Protein backbone atom coordinates (compact mmCIF):
# COMPACT_ATOMS: atom_id res chain seq x y z
CA MET A 1 -86.03 -138.66 108.44
CA GLN A 2 -89.53 -138.66 109.88
CA ARG A 3 -89.29 -134.89 110.35
CA LYS A 4 -88.46 -134.48 106.66
CA TYR A 5 -91.46 -136.54 105.52
CA LYS A 6 -93.73 -134.66 107.90
CA PHE A 7 -92.62 -131.30 106.39
CA LYS A 8 -93.35 -132.51 102.86
CA LEU A 9 -96.76 -133.78 103.91
CA VAL A 10 -97.72 -130.42 105.46
CA THR A 11 -96.60 -128.57 102.32
CA PHE A 12 -98.64 -130.87 100.09
CA ILE A 13 -101.76 -130.35 102.19
CA MET A 14 -101.34 -126.53 101.97
CA LEU A 15 -101.13 -126.67 98.18
CA LEU A 16 -104.28 -128.77 97.98
CA SER A 17 -106.12 -126.17 100.05
CA LEU A 18 -105.21 -123.43 97.51
CA LEU A 19 -106.43 -125.26 94.41
CA PRO A 20 -110.06 -124.02 94.56
CA THR A 21 -108.91 -120.38 94.44
CA ILE A 22 -106.74 -120.66 91.33
CA ASN A 23 -108.46 -119.71 88.01
CA PHE A 24 -106.63 -121.80 85.40
CA ASN A 25 -109.11 -120.71 82.69
CA GLY A 26 -108.16 -117.07 83.32
CA PHE A 27 -104.54 -117.77 82.44
CA SER A 28 -105.36 -119.58 79.25
CA SER A 29 -108.03 -117.13 78.06
CA GLU A 30 -106.08 -113.99 78.79
CA SER A 31 -103.06 -115.30 76.94
CA LYS A 32 -105.19 -115.36 73.78
CA LYS A 33 -106.36 -111.75 74.14
CA GLU A 34 -104.52 -108.62 72.97
CA ASN A 35 -105.69 -106.46 75.88
CA VAL A 36 -102.51 -107.07 77.83
CA LYS A 37 -99.57 -105.31 76.21
CA ILE A 38 -96.06 -104.42 77.26
CA ASN A 39 -95.54 -100.67 77.23
CA SER A 40 -92.20 -98.90 76.97
CA LEU A 41 -90.87 -96.93 79.91
CA GLU A 42 -91.24 -93.71 77.89
CA LYS A 43 -94.93 -94.41 77.29
CA MET A 44 -95.61 -95.37 80.89
CA LEU A 45 -94.01 -92.18 82.14
CA SER A 46 -95.68 -89.94 79.56
CA SER A 47 -98.30 -87.35 80.46
CA GLN A 48 -101.02 -88.90 78.25
CA GLY A 49 -103.15 -89.50 81.29
CA VAL A 50 -103.22 -85.83 82.25
CA SER A 51 -106.19 -83.79 81.11
CA ALA A 52 -105.24 -80.15 80.57
CA ALA A 53 -108.89 -79.12 80.72
CA THR A 54 -109.66 -80.67 84.09
CA GLN A 55 -106.12 -80.82 85.47
CA THR A 56 -106.80 -84.28 86.85
CA LEU A 57 -104.78 -87.43 86.57
CA ILE A 58 -106.88 -90.30 85.16
CA ASN A 59 -105.98 -93.91 86.00
CA ARG A 60 -106.45 -95.93 82.83
CA GLN A 61 -108.42 -99.20 82.97
CA SER A 62 -106.28 -102.30 83.20
CA VAL A 63 -107.11 -105.97 82.72
CA SER A 64 -106.29 -108.36 85.56
CA PRO A 65 -105.26 -111.97 84.90
CA SER A 66 -108.71 -113.08 86.11
CA GLY A 67 -110.41 -111.09 83.33
CA THR A 68 -111.93 -108.50 85.64
CA THR A 69 -111.74 -104.72 84.95
CA PHE A 70 -110.33 -102.17 87.40
CA ASN A 71 -112.05 -98.79 87.36
CA GLY A 72 -109.77 -96.09 88.79
CA ASN A 73 -110.76 -92.80 90.39
CA SER A 74 -109.75 -89.35 89.16
CA VAL A 75 -107.21 -87.71 91.41
CA SER A 76 -106.70 -83.93 91.35
CA GLN A 77 -103.19 -82.68 90.72
CA PRO A 78 -101.50 -81.18 93.76
CA ASN A 79 -101.27 -77.42 94.00
CA ARG A 80 -97.95 -76.09 92.78
CA THR A 81 -96.47 -72.75 93.72
CA PRO A 82 -96.17 -70.70 90.50
CA LEU A 83 -92.72 -69.52 89.47
CA PRO A 84 -92.05 -65.95 90.58
CA GLN A 85 -92.14 -63.45 87.74
CA ASN A 86 -90.75 -59.96 87.44
CA SER A 87 -91.57 -57.61 84.58
CA VAL A 88 -88.64 -55.91 82.91
CA GLU A 89 -88.65 -52.10 82.86
CA ASP A 90 -87.70 -50.66 79.48
CA ALA A 91 -85.46 -47.69 78.85
CA ILE A 92 -87.10 -44.37 78.01
CA MET A 93 -88.32 -44.41 74.41
CA PRO A 94 -86.67 -41.80 72.14
CA ASN A 95 -90.00 -40.45 70.93
CA SER A 96 -90.65 -39.17 74.44
CA PHE A 97 -87.62 -36.92 74.85
CA ARG A 98 -86.46 -35.57 71.48
CA TRP A 99 -87.42 -32.93 68.93
CA GLN A 100 -90.24 -34.76 67.15
CA GLN A 101 -90.28 -32.91 63.84
CA THR A 102 -87.98 -33.05 60.83
CA ILE A 103 -85.55 -30.20 60.15
CA ALA A 104 -85.75 -30.76 56.36
CA ASN A 105 -88.01 -27.70 56.02
CA LEU A 106 -85.33 -25.39 57.48
CA THR A 107 -82.78 -23.51 55.38
CA LEU A 108 -79.66 -25.25 56.59
CA PRO A 109 -76.37 -23.59 55.58
CA THR A 110 -73.79 -25.80 53.86
CA ASN A 111 -70.46 -26.46 55.54
CA GLN A 112 -71.82 -25.21 58.84
CA VAL A 113 -72.82 -26.77 62.15
CA THR A 114 -76.23 -25.37 63.04
CA ALA A 115 -77.99 -25.02 66.40
CA VAL A 116 -81.79 -25.40 66.30
CA GLN A 117 -84.10 -24.62 69.24
CA ASN A 118 -87.64 -26.03 69.11
CA GLY A 119 -87.55 -25.96 65.29
CA THR A 120 -85.95 -22.52 64.91
CA ILE A 121 -82.35 -21.89 63.84
CA ILE A 122 -80.46 -19.88 66.48
CA GLY A 123 -77.00 -19.92 64.91
CA SER A 124 -74.63 -21.53 62.39
CA TYR A 125 -70.87 -21.97 62.89
CA PRO A 126 -67.82 -23.61 61.25
CA THR A 127 -67.83 -27.42 61.06
CA THR A 128 -64.96 -27.76 63.49
CA ASP A 129 -64.81 -28.70 67.16
CA ALA A 130 -64.51 -24.98 67.96
CA GLY A 131 -67.61 -24.34 65.88
CA VAL A 132 -69.46 -27.05 67.82
CA GLN A 133 -68.49 -25.30 71.06
CA GLN A 134 -69.98 -22.07 69.72
CA ALA A 135 -73.21 -23.86 68.81
CA LEU A 136 -73.42 -25.42 72.27
CA TYR A 137 -72.92 -22.04 73.91
CA ALA A 138 -75.73 -20.59 71.79
CA MET A 139 -77.99 -23.32 73.17
CA TYR A 140 -76.76 -22.73 76.73
CA SER A 141 -77.47 -19.01 76.45
CA ALA A 142 -80.84 -19.30 74.71
CA THR A 143 -84.06 -18.10 76.33
CA ASN A 144 -86.00 -20.94 77.99
CA ALA A 145 -83.10 -23.27 77.26
CA SER A 146 -83.87 -25.70 80.09
CA THR A 147 -87.30 -26.54 78.62
CA SER A 148 -86.20 -26.62 74.98
CA ASP A 149 -85.53 -29.52 72.61
CA PHE A 150 -82.38 -28.72 70.64
CA VAL A 151 -80.97 -30.14 67.38
CA LEU A 152 -77.31 -30.02 66.41
CA TYR A 153 -77.03 -30.34 62.62
CA TYR A 154 -73.64 -31.21 61.17
CA GLY A 155 -73.50 -29.78 57.61
CA ALA A 156 -70.09 -31.29 56.79
CA ASN A 157 -67.70 -33.92 58.13
CA THR A 158 -66.74 -32.89 61.66
CA THR A 159 -64.16 -34.20 64.14
CA LEU A 160 -64.86 -33.63 67.85
CA SER A 161 -62.33 -33.22 70.66
CA ASN A 162 -62.61 -30.60 73.45
CA SER A 163 -66.38 -30.26 73.17
CA VAL A 164 -66.94 -33.79 74.50
CA LEU A 165 -64.72 -33.57 77.59
CA LYS A 166 -66.12 -34.69 80.94
CA ALA A 167 -65.65 -31.33 82.66
CA VAL A 168 -68.65 -29.17 83.49
CA VAL A 169 -67.30 -25.67 82.89
CA SER A 170 -68.12 -23.29 85.75
CA ASN A 171 -67.82 -20.16 83.60
CA PRO A 172 -68.74 -21.32 80.09
CA SER A 173 -68.08 -19.35 76.96
CA ALA A 174 -68.09 -19.89 73.21
CA THR A 175 -64.47 -21.10 73.45
CA ASN A 176 -64.66 -23.58 76.32
CA MET A 177 -68.21 -24.95 76.15
CA THR A 178 -68.81 -28.72 76.42
CA PHE A 179 -71.74 -31.09 75.94
CA CYS A 180 -71.59 -31.83 79.70
CA THR A 181 -72.01 -28.15 80.52
CA LEU A 182 -75.46 -28.20 78.86
CA LYS A 183 -76.70 -30.04 81.95
CA GLY A 184 -79.73 -28.14 83.26
CA HIS A 185 -79.79 -25.93 80.16
CA ALA A 186 -81.53 -28.23 77.66
CA LYS A 187 -84.42 -30.68 77.72
CA SER A 188 -82.84 -32.83 74.99
CA LEU A 189 -80.29 -32.76 72.17
CA THR A 190 -80.68 -34.57 68.83
CA TRP A 191 -77.72 -35.16 66.48
CA ILE A 192 -78.46 -35.05 62.71
CA SER A 193 -76.05 -35.07 59.74
CA ASN A 194 -78.44 -35.89 56.90
CA PRO A 195 -80.29 -32.77 55.63
CA ALA A 196 -83.31 -34.77 54.41
CA ASP A 197 -83.92 -35.98 57.99
CA LEU A 198 -86.67 -38.46 57.13
CA LEU A 199 -88.44 -39.53 60.29
CA THR A 200 -89.18 -42.86 58.60
CA SER A 201 -85.55 -43.67 57.73
CA SER A 202 -84.53 -47.29 58.09
CA ASN A 203 -82.99 -48.36 61.37
CA SER A 204 -80.91 -51.07 59.67
CA SER A 205 -79.13 -49.08 56.95
CA GLN A 206 -77.57 -45.69 56.36
CA PRO A 207 -80.07 -42.99 55.35
CA SER A 208 -80.45 -42.25 51.66
CA GLY A 209 -79.02 -39.03 50.28
CA THR A 210 -76.18 -36.94 51.70
CA ASN A 211 -74.57 -38.17 54.90
CA TYR A 212 -71.84 -36.28 56.73
CA THR A 213 -69.70 -38.11 59.30
CA VAL A 214 -69.11 -37.01 62.89
CA THR A 215 -65.85 -38.52 64.17
CA LEU A 216 -65.53 -39.12 67.91
CA PRO A 217 -62.42 -39.13 70.12
CA SER A 218 -61.67 -41.98 72.55
CA ASN A 219 -64.04 -40.71 75.26
CA VAL A 220 -67.32 -38.83 74.86
CA TYR A 221 -69.37 -37.47 77.79
CA PHE A 222 -72.93 -36.17 77.58
CA GLY A 223 -74.74 -33.84 79.98
CA VAL A 224 -78.35 -33.99 78.70
CA PRO A 225 -80.65 -36.62 77.12
CA THR A 226 -79.17 -37.28 73.67
CA ILE A 227 -80.55 -38.93 70.53
CA PHE A 228 -78.73 -40.03 67.38
CA ARG A 229 -81.17 -39.67 64.44
CA ASN A 230 -80.23 -39.63 60.75
CA VAL A 231 -76.59 -39.18 61.68
CA THR A 232 -73.44 -41.06 60.68
CA VAL A 233 -70.95 -41.40 63.54
CA ALA A 234 -67.42 -42.83 63.37
CA ALA A 235 -66.69 -44.46 66.73
CA SER A 236 -64.04 -47.13 66.43
CA GLY A 237 -63.70 -48.55 69.94
CA ASP A 238 -64.61 -45.20 71.47
CA ASN A 239 -66.39 -44.86 74.81
CA ILE A 240 -69.71 -43.02 74.95
CA TYR A 241 -70.83 -42.10 78.48
CA ALA A 242 -74.46 -41.02 78.86
CA GLN A 243 -73.74 -40.21 82.53
CA GLY A 244 -77.24 -41.02 83.74
CA ASN A 245 -78.92 -39.10 80.92
CA ALA A 246 -81.21 -40.97 78.56
CA PHE A 247 -79.40 -41.97 75.38
CA ALA A 248 -80.95 -43.45 72.22
CA THR A 249 -80.09 -44.42 68.67
CA THR A 250 -83.06 -44.37 66.33
CA ASN A 251 -84.10 -44.10 62.66
CA GLY A 252 -81.18 -43.30 60.38
CA SER A 253 -78.54 -43.57 63.09
CA TRP A 254 -75.52 -45.29 61.53
CA ILE A 255 -72.40 -45.89 63.60
CA THR A 256 -69.24 -47.05 61.86
CA GLY A 257 -66.77 -48.74 64.14
CA ALA A 258 -67.72 -50.52 67.34
CA PRO A 259 -68.39 -48.20 70.32
CA ASN A 260 -68.59 -48.97 74.01
CA ILE A 261 -71.75 -47.32 75.32
CA TYR A 262 -72.38 -46.77 79.04
CA GLY A 263 -75.61 -45.65 80.67
CA GLY A 264 -73.46 -44.39 83.53
CA THR A 265 -69.95 -42.99 83.36
CA ASP A 266 -66.35 -44.11 83.80
CA ASN A 267 -65.75 -44.15 87.56
CA SER A 268 -67.90 -41.44 89.19
CA ASP A 269 -71.15 -41.61 91.17
CA ILE A 270 -74.42 -41.19 89.27
CA SER A 271 -77.57 -39.89 90.97
CA GLY A 272 -80.77 -41.48 89.66
CA ASN A 273 -81.46 -44.00 86.90
CA THR A 274 -79.72 -44.81 83.63
CA ASN A 275 -81.50 -45.38 80.30
CA LEU A 276 -80.00 -46.78 77.08
CA TYR A 277 -82.27 -47.41 74.09
CA ILE A 278 -80.59 -48.98 71.03
CA GLY A 279 -82.97 -48.77 68.09
CA ALA A 280 -80.30 -48.72 65.36
CA THR A 281 -76.71 -49.89 65.18
CA GLY A 282 -74.60 -49.92 62.01
CA SER A 283 -72.48 -52.25 59.95
CA THR A 284 -69.49 -52.84 62.26
CA ALA A 285 -69.37 -55.79 64.64
CA GLY A 286 -68.08 -55.55 68.19
CA TRP A 287 -70.40 -53.22 70.10
CA ASN A 288 -70.35 -53.33 73.92
CA ILE A 289 -73.32 -51.92 75.83
CA TYR A 290 -73.42 -51.43 79.61
CA GLY A 291 -76.30 -50.12 81.68
CA GLY A 292 -73.91 -49.04 84.44
CA ASN A 293 -70.39 -47.69 84.82
CA ALA A 294 -67.03 -48.70 83.39
CA SER A 295 -64.82 -49.33 86.41
CA ALA A 296 -66.04 -47.75 89.67
CA GLY A 297 -68.60 -45.46 91.26
CA THR A 298 -72.16 -45.93 92.54
CA ILE A 299 -75.41 -45.51 90.63
CA SER A 300 -78.10 -44.60 93.15
CA GLY A 301 -81.10 -45.71 91.04
CA ASN A 302 -82.00 -48.45 88.57
CA THR A 303 -80.42 -49.24 85.20
CA HIS A 304 -82.36 -49.81 81.97
CA VAL A 305 -81.03 -51.19 78.69
CA THR A 306 -83.37 -51.87 75.76
CA ILE A 307 -82.07 -53.41 72.51
CA ALA A 308 -84.89 -52.99 69.98
CA GLN A 309 -82.86 -53.52 66.80
CA SER A 310 -79.45 -54.86 65.85
CA SER A 311 -78.03 -55.18 62.36
CA SER A 312 -74.41 -55.72 63.42
CA THR A 313 -72.88 -58.12 65.92
CA ILE A 314 -72.96 -56.97 69.53
CA ASN A 315 -70.05 -58.39 71.47
CA SER A 316 -71.40 -57.90 75.00
CA VAL A 317 -74.51 -56.37 76.52
CA THR A 318 -75.40 -56.11 80.19
CA GLY A 319 -77.86 -54.32 82.40
CA GLY A 320 -75.03 -53.71 84.87
CA SER A 321 -71.48 -52.40 84.92
CA ALA A 322 -68.28 -53.56 83.27
CA SER A 323 -66.40 -53.88 86.56
CA GLY A 324 -65.99 -52.49 90.04
CA ALA A 325 -69.10 -50.33 90.26
CA THR A 326 -72.18 -50.59 92.49
CA ILE A 327 -75.83 -50.27 91.43
CA SER A 328 -78.01 -49.44 94.42
CA GLY A 329 -81.27 -50.35 92.67
CA ASN A 330 -82.33 -52.94 90.09
CA THR A 331 -80.93 -53.81 86.66
CA ASN A 332 -83.24 -54.21 83.64
CA LEU A 333 -82.11 -55.67 80.31
CA ASP A 334 -84.66 -56.10 77.51
CA ILE A 335 -83.46 -57.63 74.22
CA SER A 336 -86.50 -57.77 71.99
CA GLY A 337 -87.57 -56.80 68.51
CA ALA A 338 -85.70 -57.19 65.22
CA ILE A 339 -82.43 -58.69 66.44
CA ALA A 340 -81.05 -59.65 63.02
CA SER A 341 -77.51 -60.39 64.15
CA GLN A 342 -75.44 -62.11 66.82
CA ILE A 343 -75.30 -61.00 70.45
CA THR A 344 -72.28 -62.91 71.63
CA ASN A 345 -72.37 -62.35 75.40
CA ILE A 346 -75.35 -61.44 77.58
CA TYR A 347 -74.83 -60.61 81.26
CA GLY A 348 -77.86 -59.66 83.32
CA ALA A 349 -76.19 -57.88 86.22
CA GLY A 350 -72.74 -56.94 84.93
CA ILE A 351 -69.39 -58.58 84.28
CA GLY A 352 -66.69 -57.86 86.86
CA THR A 353 -63.29 -59.39 87.51
CA SER A 354 -61.81 -61.29 90.45
CA ASN A 355 -60.06 -58.11 91.59
CA SER A 356 -62.92 -55.76 90.73
CA PRO A 357 -66.33 -57.45 91.15
CA VAL A 358 -69.58 -55.63 90.42
CA ASN A 359 -72.38 -55.15 92.95
CA VAL A 360 -76.15 -54.97 92.53
CA ASN A 361 -78.18 -54.25 95.65
CA GLY A 362 -81.55 -54.87 93.99
CA ASN A 363 -83.06 -57.42 91.60
CA VAL A 364 -81.74 -58.44 88.20
CA THR A 365 -84.29 -58.88 85.39
CA THR A 366 -83.36 -59.98 81.87
CA TYR A 367 -85.82 -60.56 79.02
CA VAL A 368 -84.78 -61.97 75.62
CA ASN A 369 -87.37 -62.25 72.83
CA SER A 370 -86.27 -61.64 69.23
CA THR A 371 -88.79 -61.43 66.41
CA ASN A 372 -86.10 -62.25 63.85
CA GLY A 373 -84.99 -65.83 63.23
CA SER A 374 -81.46 -64.63 62.45
CA ALA A 375 -80.80 -63.77 66.09
CA ARG A 376 -77.95 -65.78 67.60
CA TYR A 377 -76.69 -65.98 71.17
CA GLN A 378 -73.50 -67.55 72.50
CA LEU A 379 -73.06 -66.96 76.24
CA TYR A 380 -75.87 -66.14 78.65
CA GLN A 381 -75.16 -65.25 82.28
CA GLY A 382 -78.26 -64.24 84.19
CA GLY A 383 -76.09 -62.68 86.88
CA THR A 384 -72.42 -61.74 86.60
CA VAL A 385 -69.02 -63.31 86.11
CA TYR A 386 -67.69 -61.83 89.36
CA GLY A 387 -69.95 -59.91 91.71
CA ASN A 388 -72.50 -59.73 94.49
CA ILE A 389 -76.27 -59.58 94.01
CA SER A 390 -78.39 -58.79 97.05
CA GLY A 391 -81.74 -59.33 95.32
CA SER A 392 -83.12 -62.00 93.00
CA ILE A 393 -82.31 -62.95 89.40
CA TYR A 394 -85.14 -63.31 86.88
CA ASN A 395 -84.48 -64.74 83.39
CA THR A 396 -87.00 -65.01 80.55
CA LEU A 397 -85.94 -66.41 77.15
CA SER A 398 -88.36 -66.85 74.25
CA GLY A 399 -88.95 -65.86 70.65
CA ALA A 400 -87.08 -66.64 67.43
CA GLY A 401 -83.37 -67.26 66.87
CA GLY A 402 -80.96 -69.76 68.36
CA TRP A 403 -77.47 -70.47 69.67
CA THR A 404 -74.21 -70.08 67.77
CA GLY A 405 -72.72 -73.39 68.88
CA ALA A 406 -69.39 -71.63 69.51
CA THR A 407 -67.65 -70.94 72.82
CA SER A 408 -67.03 -67.71 74.71
CA ASN A 409 -63.99 -66.75 76.75
CA ILE A 410 -64.91 -65.92 80.35
CA ASN A 411 -62.05 -64.08 82.04
CA GLY A 412 -59.45 -66.14 80.21
CA ALA A 413 -61.23 -69.49 80.50
CA GLY A 414 -63.16 -71.04 77.65
CA GLY A 415 -66.49 -72.62 78.50
CA PRO A 416 -68.68 -75.17 76.73
CA ALA A 417 -70.28 -74.25 73.43
CA SER A 418 -73.21 -71.82 73.68
CA THR A 419 -73.26 -71.64 77.46
CA PHE A 420 -76.46 -70.83 79.36
CA ASN A 421 -76.07 -70.00 83.03
CA GLY A 422 -79.13 -68.55 84.68
CA GLY A 423 -77.04 -67.42 87.63
CA SER A 424 -73.41 -66.36 87.79
CA SER A 425 -69.92 -67.80 87.64
CA TRP A 426 -68.53 -66.46 90.92
CA THR A 427 -71.30 -64.50 92.60
CA ASN A 428 -73.33 -64.36 95.81
CA VAL A 429 -77.05 -64.24 94.98
CA LYS A 430 -80.29 -64.51 96.93
CA TYR A 431 -82.75 -66.14 94.49
CA LEU A 432 -82.70 -67.42 90.91
CA ASP A 433 -85.67 -67.89 88.56
CA THR A 434 -85.41 -68.98 84.91
CA LYS A 435 -88.18 -69.73 82.47
């Protein structure tokens, strides 16, 4: 009992010793002021105290219960390592590798396919596939062919077949010539089927005036840099293989049907880079554009895909291959400009399957920046679905447009609505950067 009373006595004495240090007036006066406020968590965690001009963090003054003011010191923000950046490399522009002048000033025969070398007509032939072979052989045999820009004018509706085969003919003639056999015998080849050939034709509609249609078979192989200008092409689900040659669609190019366009080829090796420049599409949804190959083979250089305009829905676009192939260098995919439609699926490095993954030995750079508010995207994969990437992945998304809100099917499995994945689904990758 005595111990209990002694403890109480000691506690009472300690409280008495603290009384001189307690400011009771401070409590009563501060309770009448409005300087002390309760802030929300959002406000307390906001960046209002950060000065963008000085990049310092300022401690705001606060009022203590005793009525005194605390003056804080400015503290410099810590140094932060900037995000790595990698500039995208665009595909070769069509104005750098085509015949730059109109052919409207030439006397173009009707119902004929005409071969033009550096602005001069060198022959006209029937508007059949056999006639096209004759025109190609005239180009092949022309003087200074390897340094010449050629135009192939279609003066009537024409259906192609043997002229677009993959084979490079060892002993070409007017009856067995192919577009592939022009390799090394032409600087460029421009397709035209509108005689007015306005260089300022729209890239979002069919050219005004007369338009003849060139109908493609299931597979088309090119052997030299090729440009579609003021030409109407029927390509319903057909495969166009540039085979490492620069390929471009530009003013007045109007493709009906939805083609599959490859910067590489089907399953063979490609030496050097690939370049696809899409500056005009058409009215049919469902395009697929690949910077690499279709199913196998190795591309020794870098791939480049530039989408500068789109007036019809593109189903899939990638800087890499569809499946199975290897790209020894880097992939570059640039989607910028007047994208006035939907691009459903974007894959930076390729697509691939579980049984046939794609491979990229270099870096993967993808840049998306539409100037048109109608642009819509649905699935974004900075890398691949199935594949291996030895380098780094760089993603940059900006500009106008938005997401569809719908879902995409990834190898049989539906994902969440409007999926963004800066990396890959099932892929080995070294480094990932998204901004």
